[in-house]
Amino acid sequence: MRRARAERTLTSVAVGEDAGPAETTRLWHVTLSVSGDPVPLAEVRRGLEQLAHDHPFLLTSRYAVDHAEIRYWEEARDLHDAAAVALRLWGEHRSTAKLPPWEIVGLEVIDRATYHQRVAEGYGPPPASPVGVHPY
């Protein structure tokens, strides 16, 4: 029997005064890097494609036999919430998407303005084009 999954939401603890009910969310650009022992390239690609299918918010993934990078936009109240979601992504979907048993080795979470400023100045990650799962 298949158990229905309860949807989880992240909450933050307000510092100081009551933050109030009208908190807004922002967009955060997330780059998650994972690596580990080599896995056949076709298995890595299939796992990342399944992850992208299960979670269409994924913008782009790059991969090799021993590492991968996933980039996407996350809507969250603050950096802490966006980072918490990102740090759970690989582990929570490892079995369902049949992802390699790799560990997270890098995480960058930046706000939308910083992302666009870096791109405009030529030192940020280029816009993800084409969108999808691609080898390095």
C-alpha atoms as a PDB file:
ATOM      1  CA  MET A   1       0.000   0.000   0.000  1.00  0.00           C
ATOM      2  CA  ARG A   2       1.386   3.355  -0.961  1.00  0.00           C
ATOM      3  CA  ARG A   3       1.378   6.020   1.712  1.00  0.00           C
ATOM      4  CA  ALA A   4       0.412   9.557   0.669  1.00  0.00           C
ATOM      5  CA  ARG A   5       3.197  12.029   1.206  1.00  0.00           C
ATOM      6  CA  ALA A   6       2.413  14.984   3.381  1.00  0.00           C
ATOM      7  CA  GLU A   7       3.526  18.289   1.951  1.00  0.00           C
ATOM      8  CA  ARG A   8       6.115  20.002   4.119  1.00  0.00           C
ATOM      9  CA  THR A   9       6.633  23.701   4.517  1.00  0.00           C
ATOM     10  CA  LEU A  10       9.633  25.425   5.983  1.00  0.00           C
ATOM     11  CA  THR A  11       9.308  28.013   8.679  1.00  0.00           C
ATOM     12  CA  SER A  12      11.773  30.502  10.035  1.00  0.00           C
ATOM     13  CA  VAL A  13      12.101  31.838  13.525  1.00  0.00           C
ATOM     14  CA  ALA A  14      11.664  35.594  13.517  1.00  0.00           C
ATOM     15  CA  VAL A  15      14.378  37.558  15.257  1.00  0.00           C
ATOM     16  CA  GLY A  16      13.244  40.395  17.489  1.00  0.00           C
ATOM     17  CA  GLU A  17       9.703  41.629  17.022  1.00  0.00           C
ATOM     18  CA  ASP A  18       6.862  39.512  15.652  1.00  0.00           C
ATOM     19  CA  ALA A  19       7.402  39.181  11.920  1.00  0.00           C
ATOM     20  CA  GLY A  20       3.644  39.236  11.290  1.00  0.00           C
ATOM     21  CA  PRO A  21       1.483  37.203   8.929  1.00  0.00           C
ATOM     22  CA  ALA A  22       2.247  39.123   5.725  1.00  0.00           C
ATOM     23  CA  GLU A  23       5.741  37.798   5.045  1.00  0.00           C
ATOM     24  CA  THR A  24       6.780  37.722   1.418  1.00  0.00           C
ATOM     25  CA  THR A  25       8.888  35.255  -0.500  1.00  0.00           C
ATOM     26  CA  ARG A  26      11.793  35.997  -2.798  1.00  0.00           C
ATOM     27  CA  LEU A  27      13.515  34.157  -5.612  1.00  0.00           C
ATOM     28  CA  TRP A  28      16.898  32.595  -4.861  1.00  0.00           C
ATOM     29  CA  HIS A  29      19.267  31.112  -7.436  1.00  0.00           C
ATOM     30  CA  VAL A  30      20.602  27.795  -6.138  1.00  0.00           C
ATOM     31  CA  THR A  31      23.627  25.865  -7.377  1.00  0.00           C
ATOM     32  CA  LEU A  32      23.994  22.442  -5.755  1.00  0.00           C
ATOM     33  CA  SER A  33      27.182  20.447  -6.422  1.00  0.00           C
ATOM     34  CA  VAL A  34      27.464  16.727  -5.660  1.00  0.00           C
ATOM     35  CA  SER A  35      30.231  14.187  -6.193  1.00  0.00           C
ATOM     36  CA  GLY A  36      31.327  10.678  -5.330  1.00  0.00           C
ATOM     37  CA  ASP A  37      32.534   7.403  -6.771  1.00  0.00           C
ATOM     38  CA  PRO A  38      32.200   7.039 -10.553  1.00  0.00           C
ATOM     39  CA  VAL A  39      28.856   5.824 -11.888  1.00  0.00           C
ATOM     40  CA  PRO A  40      28.104   4.978 -15.545  1.00  0.00           C
ATOM     41  CA  LEU A  41      27.229   8.190 -17.386  1.00  0.00           C
ATOM     42  CA  ALA A  42      23.883   6.810 -18.594  1.00  0.00           C
ATOM     43  CA  GLU A  43      22.807   6.135 -14.982  1.00  0.00           C
ATOM     44  CA  VAL A  44      23.713   9.654 -13.890  1.00  0.00           C
ATOM     45  CA  ARG A  45      21.798  11.161 -16.807  1.00  0.00           C
ATOM     46  CA  ARG A  46      18.748   8.978 -16.196  1.00  0.00           C
ATOM     47  CA  GLY A  47      18.686   9.909 -12.506  1.00  0.00           C
ATOM     48  CA  LEU A  48      18.971  13.633 -13.208  1.00  0.00           C
ATOM     49  CA  GLU A  49      16.300  13.421 -15.899  1.00  0.00           C
ATOM     50  CA  GLN A  50      13.992  11.665 -13.436  1.00  0.00           C
ATOM     51  CA  LEU A  51      14.700  14.323 -10.814  1.00  0.00           C
ATOM     52  CA  ALA A  52      13.895  17.047 -13.360  1.00  0.00           C
ATOM     53  CA  HIS A  53      10.695  15.223 -14.314  1.00  0.00           C
ATOM     54  CA  ASP A  54       9.641  14.848 -10.676  1.00  0.00           C
ATOM     55  CA  HIS A  55      10.546  18.469  -9.927  1.00  0.00           C
ATOM     56  CA  PRO A  56      10.108  20.668 -13.000  1.00  0.00           C
ATOM     57  CA  PHE A  57      11.508  23.662 -11.112  1.00  0.00           C
ATOM     58  CA  LEU A  58      15.007  22.374 -11.943  1.00  0.00           C
ATOM     59  CA  LEU A  59      16.537  24.734 -14.457  1.00  0.00           C
ATOM     60  CA  THR A  60      19.575  22.835 -15.626  1.00  0.00           C
ATOM     61  CA  SER A  61      21.879  20.014 -14.617  1.00  0.00           C
ATOM     62  CA  ARG A  62      25.400  19.244 -15.763  1.00  0.00           C
ATOM     63  CA  TYR A  63      26.995  15.912 -15.020  1.00  0.00           C
ATOM     64  CA  ALA A  64      29.996  13.624 -15.397  1.00  0.00           C
ATOM     65  CA  VAL A  65      30.680  10.105 -14.104  1.00  0.00           C
ATOM     66  CA  ASP A  66      31.747  11.367 -10.664  1.00  0.00           C
ATOM     67  CA  HIS A  67      30.049  14.738 -10.137  1.00  0.00           C
ATOM     68  CA  ALA A  68      27.064  16.864 -11.058  1.00  0.00           C
ATOM     69  CA  GLU A  69      25.772  20.391 -10.681  1.00  0.00           C
ATOM     70  CA  ILE A  70      22.106  21.315 -10.398  1.00  0.00           C
ATOM     71  CA  ARG A  71      20.937  24.900 -10.878  1.00  0.00           C
ATOM     72  CA  TYR A  72      17.454  26.198 -10.247  1.00  0.00           C
ATOM     73  CA  TRP A  73      15.354  29.009  -8.819  1.00  0.00           C
ATOM     74  CA  GLU A  74      13.800  28.508  -5.396  1.00  0.00           C
ATOM     75  CA  GLU A  75      11.025  30.629  -3.954  1.00  0.00           C
ATOM     76  CA  ALA A  76      11.536  31.061  -0.225  1.00  0.00           C
ATOM     77  CA  ARG A  77      11.093  33.577   2.538  1.00  0.00           C
ATOM     78  CA  ASP A  78      14.818  33.909   3.201  1.00  0.00           C
ATOM     79  CA  LEU A  79      18.228  32.419   2.422  1.00  0.00           C
ATOM     80  CA  HIS A  80      17.997  29.975   5.323  1.00  0.00           C
ATOM     81  CA  ASP A  81      14.801  28.431   3.957  1.00  0.00           C
ATOM     82  CA  ALA A  82      16.161  28.252   0.389  1.00  0.00           C
ATOM     83  CA  ALA A  83      19.380  26.612   1.603  1.00  0.00           C
ATOM     84  CA  ALA A  84      17.505  24.112   3.778  1.00  0.00           C
ATOM     85  CA  VAL A  85      15.407  22.977   0.819  1.00  0.00           C
ATOM     86  CA  ALA A  86      18.517  22.704  -1.368  1.00  0.00           C
ATOM     87  CA  LEU A  87      20.410  20.652   1.203  1.00  0.00           C
ATOM     88  CA  ARG A  88      17.541  18.153   1.389  1.00  0.00           C
ATOM     89  CA  LEU A  89      17.002  17.847  -2.376  1.00  0.00           C
ATOM     90  CA  TRP A  90      19.627  15.209  -3.224  1.00  0.00           C
ATOM     91  CA  GLY A  91      19.116  12.978  -0.206  1.00  0.00           C
ATOM     92  CA  GLU A  92      15.337  13.025  -0.251  1.00  0.00           C
ATOM     93  CA  HIS A  93      15.176  12.091  -3.931  1.00  0.00           C
ATOM     94  CA  ARG A  94      18.125   9.703  -4.085  1.00  0.00           C
ATOM     95  CA  SER A  95      15.965   6.577  -4.015  1.00  0.00           C
ATOM     96  CA  THR A  96      12.926   7.804  -5.968  1.00  0.00           C
ATOM     97  CA  ALA A  97      15.013   9.206  -8.849  1.00  0.00           C
ATOM     98  CA  LYS A  98      17.721   6.510  -8.473  1.00  0.00           C
ATOM     99  CA  LEU A  99      20.416   9.145  -8.058  1.00  0.00           C
ATOM    100  CA  PRO A 100      24.020   8.109  -7.377  1.00  0.00           C
ATOM    101  CA  PRO A 101      24.983   7.804  -3.694  1.00  0.00           C
ATOM    102  CA  TRP A 102      27.019  10.994  -3.875  1.00  0.00           C
ATOM    103  CA  GLU A 103      27.454  13.635  -1.216  1.00  0.00           C
ATOM    104  CA  ILE A 104      26.766  17.345  -1.444  1.00  0.00           C
ATOM    105  CA  VAL A 105      30.115  19.106  -1.810  1.00  0.00           C
ATOM    106  CA  GLY A 106      28.962  22.616  -2.613  1.00  0.00           C
ATOM    107  CA  LEU A 107      26.015  24.937  -2.252  1.00  0.00           C
ATOM    108  CA  GLU A 108      25.559  28.507  -3.396  1.00  0.00           C
ATOM    109  CA  VAL A 109      22.362  30.416  -2.759  1.00  0.00           C
ATOM    110  CA  ILE A 110      22.155  34.006  -3.987  1.00  0.00           C
ATOM    111  CA  ASP A 111      19.278  36.400  -4.370  1.00  0.00           C
ATOM    112  CA  ARG A 112      17.881  37.350  -7.757  1.00  0.00           C
ATOM    113  CA  ALA A 113      19.496  40.800  -7.828  1.00  0.00           C
ATOM    114  CA  THR A 114      22.959  39.381  -7.074  1.00  0.00           C
ATOM    115  CA  TYR A 115      22.552  36.707  -9.756  1.00  0.00           C
ATOM    116  CA  HIS A 116      21.603  39.266 -12.407  1.00  0.00           C
ATOM    117  CA  GLN A 117      24.363  41.658 -11.290  1.00  0.00           C
ATOM    118  CA  ARG A 118      26.994  38.911 -11.645  1.00  0.00           C
ATOM    119  CA  VAL A 119      25.735  37.947 -15.090  1.00  0.00           C
ATOM    120  CA  ALA A 120      25.691  41.601 -16.225  1.00  0.00           C
ATOM    121  CA  GLU A 121      29.260  42.093 -14.992  1.00  0.00           C
ATOM    122  CA  GLY A 122      30.401  38.955 -16.791  1.00  0.00           C
ATOM    123  CA  TYR A 123      31.649  36.977 -13.806  1.00  0.00           C
ATOM    124  CA  GLY A 124      28.556  35.083 -12.757  1.00  0.00           C
ATOM    125  CA  PRO A 125      27.233  31.818 -14.111  1.00  0.00           C
ATOM    126  CA  PRO A 126      25.933  32.256 -17.624  1.00  0.00           C
ATOM    127  CA  PRO A 127      22.174  31.963 -17.957  1.00  0.00           C
ATOM    128  CA  ALA A 128      21.216  28.301 -18.127  1.00  0.00           C
ATOM    129  CA  SER A 129      20.850  27.681 -21.804  1.00  0.00           C
ATOM    130  CA  PRO A 130      19.732  25.316 -22.974  1.00  0.00           C
ATOM    131  CA  VAL A 131      17.579  24.287 -20.061  1.00  0.00           C
ATOM    132  CA  GLY A 132      17.771  20.582 -19.234  1.00  0.00           C
ATOM    133  CA  VAL A 133      20.210  17.811 -18.350  1.00  0.00           C
ATOM    134  CA  HIS A 134      23.577  18.001 -20.133  1.00  0.00           C
ATOM    135  CA  PRO A 135      27.027  16.421 -19.819  1.00  0.00           C
ATOM    136  CA  TYR A 136      29.958  18.670 -18.922  1.00  0.00           C
END
